[in-house]
Amino acid sequence: DRSPSRGLGDVYKRQGFDKANSALASGQSHEAIWIGHRVLLGWLDEAGSIHFQGHKTNTAYLIELGPQDARFDLLNRFTRKYEAVVYGNGSCDTEEIRSLLDELMDRMQESS
């Protein structure tokens, strides 16, 4: 299963956030941003705004969503932080990740 929810259970509900927040609380910022990014991609896929495919790059999702979409800035910020932390030597500012997760949760709740 190559879906963004792989291994997270029902990420479109509270479970994904609980896992991300737990990871963040235990100092696993790397895991928290990874899970949060997957929750965001899953939400956008479920909404039909992107089509998640395992071979796509994060840049491809940004292009697919497009800057005219109200969620583009959130995806862009998550992607920049995700790539800095997962692929680079970016810092894992807990408060920045917490802020991204909180904003994502708020946006998902507003849309439901």
N, C-alpha and C. Protein backbone atom coordinates (compact mmCIF):
# COMPACT_ATOMS: atom_id res chain seq x y z
N ASP A 1 0.86 -1.19 0.00
CA ASP A 1 0.00 0.00 0.00
C ASP A 1 0.89 1.24 0.00
N ARG A 2 0.78 2.05 -1.03
CA ARG A 2 1.61 3.25 -1.16
C ARG A 2 0.86 4.51 -0.75
N SER A 3 -0.29 4.35 -0.14
CA SER A 3 -1.08 5.52 0.25
C SER A 3 -0.38 6.26 1.38
N PRO A 4 -0.65 7.59 1.51
CA PRO A 4 0.00 8.34 2.57
C PRO A 4 -0.41 7.90 3.95
N SER A 5 -1.48 7.13 4.05
CA SER A 5 -1.94 6.69 5.37
C SER A 5 -1.30 5.37 5.78
N ARG A 6 -0.43 4.81 4.94
CA ARG A 6 0.19 3.53 5.24
C ARG A 6 0.83 3.55 6.62
N GLY A 7 0.43 2.64 7.48
CA GLY A 7 1.02 2.53 8.80
C GLY A 7 0.46 3.50 9.82
N LEU A 8 -0.45 4.35 9.41
CA LEU A 8 -0.98 5.34 10.34
C LEU A 8 -2.41 5.05 10.74
N GLY A 9 -3.03 4.02 10.18
CA GLY A 9 -4.43 3.80 10.46
C GLY A 9 -5.26 4.85 9.76
N ASP A 10 -6.28 5.31 10.38
CA ASP A 10 -7.17 6.30 9.77
C ASP A 10 -6.62 7.70 10.01
N VAL A 11 -5.71 8.15 9.13
CA VAL A 11 -5.04 9.44 9.34
C VAL A 11 -5.95 10.62 9.15
N TYR A 12 -7.10 10.40 8.59
CA TYR A 12 -8.02 11.51 8.33
C TYR A 12 -8.78 11.88 9.58
N LYS A 13 -8.56 11.15 10.63
CA LYS A 13 -9.19 11.45 11.91
C LYS A 13 -8.11 11.76 12.92
N ARG A 14 -8.41 11.73 14.13
CA ARG A 14 -7.52 12.13 15.21
C ARG A 14 -6.28 11.25 15.37
N GLN A 15 -6.33 10.03 14.91
CA GLN A 15 -5.22 9.09 15.13
C GLN A 15 -3.89 9.59 14.58
N GLY A 16 -3.89 10.15 13.38
CA GLY A 16 -2.65 10.66 12.80
C GLY A 16 -2.07 11.78 13.63
N PHE A 17 -2.94 12.68 14.09
CA PHE A 17 -2.47 13.78 14.93
C PHE A 17 -1.97 13.29 16.27
N ASP A 18 -2.66 12.30 16.83
CA ASP A 18 -2.20 11.74 18.10
C ASP A 18 -0.80 11.16 17.96
N LYS A 19 -0.56 10.45 16.87
CA LYS A 19 0.77 9.86 16.64
C LYS A 19 1.82 10.95 16.44
N ALA A 20 1.49 11.98 15.67
CA ALA A 20 2.44 13.07 15.43
C ALA A 20 2.73 13.82 16.73
N ASN A 21 1.69 14.10 17.49
CA ASN A 21 1.87 14.82 18.76
C ASN A 21 2.65 13.99 19.77
N SER A 22 2.41 12.69 19.80
CA SER A 22 3.16 11.80 20.68
C SER A 22 4.64 11.80 20.30
N ALA A 23 4.90 11.71 19.01
CA ALA A 23 6.29 11.72 18.53
C ALA A 23 6.96 13.04 18.92
N LEU A 24 6.26 14.13 18.74
CA LEU A 24 6.81 15.44 19.07
C LEU A 24 7.09 15.55 20.57
N ALA A 25 6.15 15.08 21.38
CA ALA A 25 6.30 15.15 22.83
C ALA A 25 7.47 14.30 23.32
N SER A 26 7.78 13.23 22.60
CA SER A 26 8.91 12.39 23.03
C SER A 26 10.20 12.73 22.31
N GLY A 27 10.24 13.92 21.71
CA GLY A 27 11.47 14.40 21.10
C GLY A 27 11.78 13.86 19.73
N GLN A 28 10.80 13.21 19.12
CA GLN A 28 11.00 12.63 17.80
C GLN A 28 10.42 13.57 16.73
N SER A 29 11.03 14.73 16.60
CA SER A 29 10.55 15.74 15.67
C SER A 29 10.56 15.25 14.23
N HIS A 30 11.57 14.47 13.89
CA HIS A 30 11.69 13.91 12.55
C HIS A 30 10.44 13.09 12.21
N GLU A 31 10.04 12.22 13.12
CA GLU A 31 8.86 11.39 12.91
C GLU A 31 7.58 12.24 12.90
N ALA A 32 7.52 13.24 13.76
CA ALA A 32 6.33 14.09 13.83
C ALA A 32 6.08 14.83 12.53
N ILE A 33 7.13 15.39 11.92
CA ILE A 33 6.94 16.11 10.66
C ILE A 33 6.62 15.15 9.54
N TRP A 34 7.21 13.95 9.58
CA TRP A 34 6.92 12.93 8.56
C TRP A 34 5.44 12.56 8.62
N ILE A 35 4.93 12.27 9.80
CA ILE A 35 3.53 11.89 9.96
C ILE A 35 2.62 13.05 9.56
N GLY A 36 2.92 14.25 10.03
CA GLY A 36 2.10 15.41 9.68
C GLY A 36 2.04 15.65 8.18
N HIS A 37 3.16 15.49 7.50
CA HIS A 37 3.20 15.65 6.05
C HIS A 37 2.32 14.61 5.38
N ARG A 38 2.36 13.38 5.87
CA ARG A 38 1.53 12.31 5.30
C ARG A 38 0.04 12.56 5.56
N VAL A 39 -0.28 13.08 6.72
CA VAL A 39 -1.68 13.42 7.03
C VAL A 39 -2.15 14.49 6.04
N LEU A 40 -1.34 15.50 5.81
CA LEU A 40 -1.69 16.57 4.88
C LEU A 40 -1.88 16.04 3.47
N LEU A 41 -0.96 15.21 2.99
CA LEU A 41 -1.10 14.64 1.65
C LEU A 41 -2.35 13.77 1.56
N GLY A 42 -2.63 13.01 2.61
CA GLY A 42 -3.83 12.16 2.62
C GLY A 42 -5.10 12.99 2.56
N TRP A 43 -5.13 14.09 3.30
CA TRP A 43 -6.29 14.98 3.30
C TRP A 43 -6.50 15.60 1.92
N LEU A 44 -5.43 16.07 1.32
CA LEU A 44 -5.53 16.67 -0.02
C LEU A 44 -5.93 15.64 -1.06
N ASP A 45 -5.44 14.42 -0.93
CA ASP A 45 -5.82 13.34 -1.84
C ASP A 45 -7.29 12.99 -1.67
N GLU A 46 -7.71 12.86 -0.42
CA GLU A 46 -9.11 12.52 -0.15
C GLU A 46 -10.06 13.59 -0.70
N ALA A 47 -9.61 14.85 -0.67
CA ALA A 47 -10.42 15.96 -1.17
C ALA A 47 -10.40 16.05 -2.70
N GLY A 48 -9.55 15.24 -3.33
CA GLY A 48 -9.45 15.27 -4.79
C GLY A 48 -8.59 16.42 -5.30
N SER A 49 -7.84 17.05 -4.42
CA SER A 49 -7.01 18.19 -4.80
C SER A 49 -5.66 17.77 -5.37
N ILE A 50 -5.18 16.61 -4.94
CA ILE A 50 -3.98 16.00 -5.51
C ILE A 50 -4.29 14.52 -5.68
N HIS A 51 -3.43 13.84 -6.40
CA HIS A 51 -3.55 12.39 -6.54
C HIS A 51 -2.25 11.80 -6.04
N PHE A 52 -2.30 11.23 -4.82
CA PHE A 52 -1.10 10.68 -4.22
C PHE A 52 -0.64 9.47 -5.02
N GLN A 53 0.64 9.47 -5.35
CA GLN A 53 1.29 8.33 -6.00
C GLN A 53 2.70 8.27 -5.44
N GLY A 54 3.15 7.08 -5.10
CA GLY A 54 4.43 6.90 -4.44
C GLY A 54 5.63 7.42 -5.20
N HIS A 55 5.53 7.51 -6.51
CA HIS A 55 6.68 7.95 -7.31
C HIS A 55 6.78 9.47 -7.45
N LYS A 56 5.76 10.21 -7.03
CA LYS A 56 5.77 11.67 -7.19
C LYS A 56 6.69 12.33 -6.17
N THR A 57 7.22 13.45 -6.57
CA THR A 57 8.04 14.24 -5.65
C THR A 57 7.14 15.23 -4.91
N ASN A 58 7.67 15.78 -3.84
CA ASN A 58 6.92 16.80 -3.10
C ASN A 58 6.66 18.02 -3.98
N THR A 59 7.62 18.36 -4.82
CA THR A 59 7.44 19.48 -5.75
C THR A 59 6.27 19.21 -6.69
N ALA A 60 6.12 17.97 -7.11
CA ALA A 60 5.00 17.62 -8.00
C ALA A 60 3.66 17.88 -7.31
N TYR A 61 3.58 17.61 -6.02
CA TYR A 61 2.33 17.89 -5.30
C TYR A 61 2.06 19.38 -5.20
N LEU A 62 3.11 20.16 -4.99
CA LEU A 62 2.94 21.62 -4.95
C LEU A 62 2.45 22.15 -6.29
N ILE A 63 3.02 21.65 -7.37
CA ILE A 63 2.59 22.06 -8.71
C ILE A 63 1.16 21.63 -8.96
N GLU A 64 0.85 20.40 -8.60
CA GLU A 64 -0.50 19.86 -8.81
C GLU A 64 -1.55 20.67 -8.04
N LEU A 65 -1.25 21.02 -6.81
CA LEU A 65 -2.20 21.79 -6.00
C LEU A 65 -2.32 23.22 -6.53
N GLY A 66 -1.19 23.83 -6.82
CA GLY A 66 -1.17 25.17 -7.40
C GLY A 66 -1.33 26.27 -6.38
N PRO A 67 -0.66 27.41 -6.63
CA PRO A 67 -0.67 28.52 -5.68
C PRO A 67 -2.03 29.19 -5.52
N GLN A 68 -2.96 28.94 -6.42
CA GLN A 68 -4.29 29.53 -6.30
C GLN A 68 -5.12 28.84 -5.21
N ASP A 69 -4.71 27.65 -4.77
CA ASP A 69 -5.43 26.92 -3.74
C ASP A 69 -5.11 27.51 -2.37
N ALA A 70 -6.13 27.66 -1.55
CA ALA A 70 -5.97 28.27 -0.22
C ALA A 70 -5.06 27.44 0.69
N ARG A 71 -4.88 26.15 0.38
CA ARG A 71 -4.04 25.28 1.21
C ARG A 71 -2.60 25.21 0.72
N PHE A 72 -2.29 25.90 -0.38
CA PHE A 72 -0.95 25.84 -0.97
C PHE A 72 0.13 26.28 0.01
N ASP A 73 -0.09 27.39 0.70
CA ASP A 73 0.91 27.89 1.63
C ASP A 73 1.21 26.88 2.73
N LEU A 74 0.18 26.23 3.24
CA LEU A 74 0.38 25.22 4.28
C LEU A 74 1.18 24.04 3.73
N LEU A 75 0.83 23.56 2.54
CA LEU A 75 1.58 22.46 1.94
C LEU A 75 3.02 22.89 1.67
N ASN A 76 3.22 24.10 1.21
CA ASN A 76 4.56 24.59 0.93
C ASN A 76 5.41 24.65 2.21
N ARG A 77 4.85 25.17 3.29
CA ARG A 77 5.58 25.25 4.56
C ARG A 77 5.88 23.86 5.12
N PHE A 78 4.89 22.96 5.07
CA PHE A 78 5.11 21.59 5.53
C PHE A 78 6.21 20.93 4.70
N THR A 79 6.14 21.11 3.38
CA THR A 79 7.10 20.48 2.48
C THR A 79 8.51 21.00 2.72
N ARG A 80 8.66 22.30 2.88
CA ARG A 80 9.99 22.87 3.14
C ARG A 80 10.57 22.31 4.43
N LYS A 81 9.77 22.26 5.48
CA LYS A 81 10.23 21.75 6.76
C LYS A 81 10.51 20.24 6.66
N TYR A 82 9.61 19.52 6.04
CA TYR A 82 9.77 18.07 5.85
C TYR A 82 11.09 17.77 5.13
N GLU A 83 11.32 18.44 4.01
CA GLU A 83 12.52 18.16 3.22
C GLU A 83 13.79 18.57 3.97
N ALA A 84 13.74 19.67 4.70
CA ALA A 84 14.91 20.09 5.47
C ALA A 84 15.25 19.08 6.56
N VAL A 85 14.23 18.53 7.19
CA VAL A 85 14.44 17.61 8.30
C VAL A 85 14.74 16.19 7.80
N VAL A 86 13.97 15.72 6.83
CA VAL A 86 14.09 14.33 6.39
C VAL A 86 15.26 14.12 5.43
N TYR A 87 15.46 15.07 4.52
CA TYR A 87 16.50 14.88 3.51
C TYR A 87 17.76 15.70 3.77
N GLY A 88 17.68 16.65 4.64
CA GLY A 88 18.83 17.51 4.89
C GLY A 88 19.22 17.50 6.34
N ASN A 89 19.89 18.53 6.73
CA ASN A 89 20.30 18.67 8.11
C ASN A 89 19.55 19.81 8.79
N GLY A 90 18.31 20.00 8.36
CA GLY A 90 17.50 21.08 8.92
C GLY A 90 17.20 20.87 10.39
N SER A 91 17.04 21.96 11.06
CA SER A 91 16.73 21.88 12.48
C SER A 91 15.27 21.44 12.67
N CYS A 92 15.02 20.86 13.80
CA CYS A 92 13.68 20.39 14.15
C CYS A 92 13.13 21.27 15.26
N ASP A 93 12.70 22.44 14.92
CA ASP A 93 12.13 23.36 15.89
C ASP A 93 10.76 22.82 16.30
N THR A 94 10.69 22.36 17.54
CA THR A 94 9.46 21.74 18.05
C THR A 94 8.27 22.68 17.94
N GLU A 95 8.46 23.94 18.26
CA GLU A 95 7.34 24.90 18.20
C GLU A 95 6.87 25.12 16.78
N GLU A 96 7.78 25.15 15.83
CA GLU A 96 7.39 25.31 14.43
C GLU A 96 6.58 24.10 13.95
N ILE A 97 7.03 22.92 14.31
CA ILE A 97 6.29 21.71 13.93
C ILE A 97 4.94 21.68 14.63
N ARG A 98 4.90 22.03 15.90
CA ARG A 98 3.63 22.09 16.64
C ARG A 98 2.66 23.05 15.95
N SER A 99 3.16 24.21 15.56
CA SER A 99 2.34 25.21 14.88
C SER A 99 1.78 24.67 13.56
N LEU A 100 2.62 23.98 12.79
CA LEU A 100 2.16 23.39 11.53
C LEU A 100 1.08 22.34 11.78
N LEU A 101 1.30 21.47 12.77
CA LEU A 101 0.31 20.44 13.08
C LEU A 101 -1.01 21.06 13.54
N ASP A 102 -0.93 22.08 14.39
CA ASP A 102 -2.15 22.74 14.88
C ASP A 102 -2.90 23.40 13.74
N GLU A 103 -2.17 24.07 12.84
CA GLU A 103 -2.83 24.71 11.70
C GLU A 103 -3.49 23.67 10.80
N LEU A 104 -2.81 22.56 10.56
CA LEU A 104 -3.40 21.50 9.73
C LEU A 104 -4.67 20.97 10.37
N MET A 105 -4.63 20.71 11.66
CA MET A 105 -5.82 20.20 12.34
C MET A 105 -6.97 21.20 12.22
N ASP A 106 -6.68 22.47 12.45
CA ASP A 106 -7.71 23.52 12.34
C ASP A 106 -8.30 23.55 10.93
N ARG A 107 -7.45 23.51 9.93
CA ARG A 107 -7.92 23.58 8.55
C ARG A 107 -8.77 22.36 8.19
N MET A 108 -8.37 21.19 8.65
CA MET A 108 -9.15 19.99 8.38
C MET A 108 -10.50 20.04 9.07
N GLN A 109 -10.54 20.55 10.30
CA GLN A 109 -11.80 20.66 11.03
C GLN A 109 -12.73 21.68 10.35
N GLU A 110 -12.17 22.77 9.86
CA GLU A 110 -12.97 23.79 9.17
C GLU A 110 -13.62 23.23 7.91
N SER A 111 -12.93 22.31 7.24
CA SER A 111 -13.43 21.81 5.98
C SER A 111 -14.40 20.65 6.13
N SER A 112 -14.50 20.11 7.34
CA SER A 112 -15.38 18.93 7.50
C SER A 112 -16.78 19.32 7.89
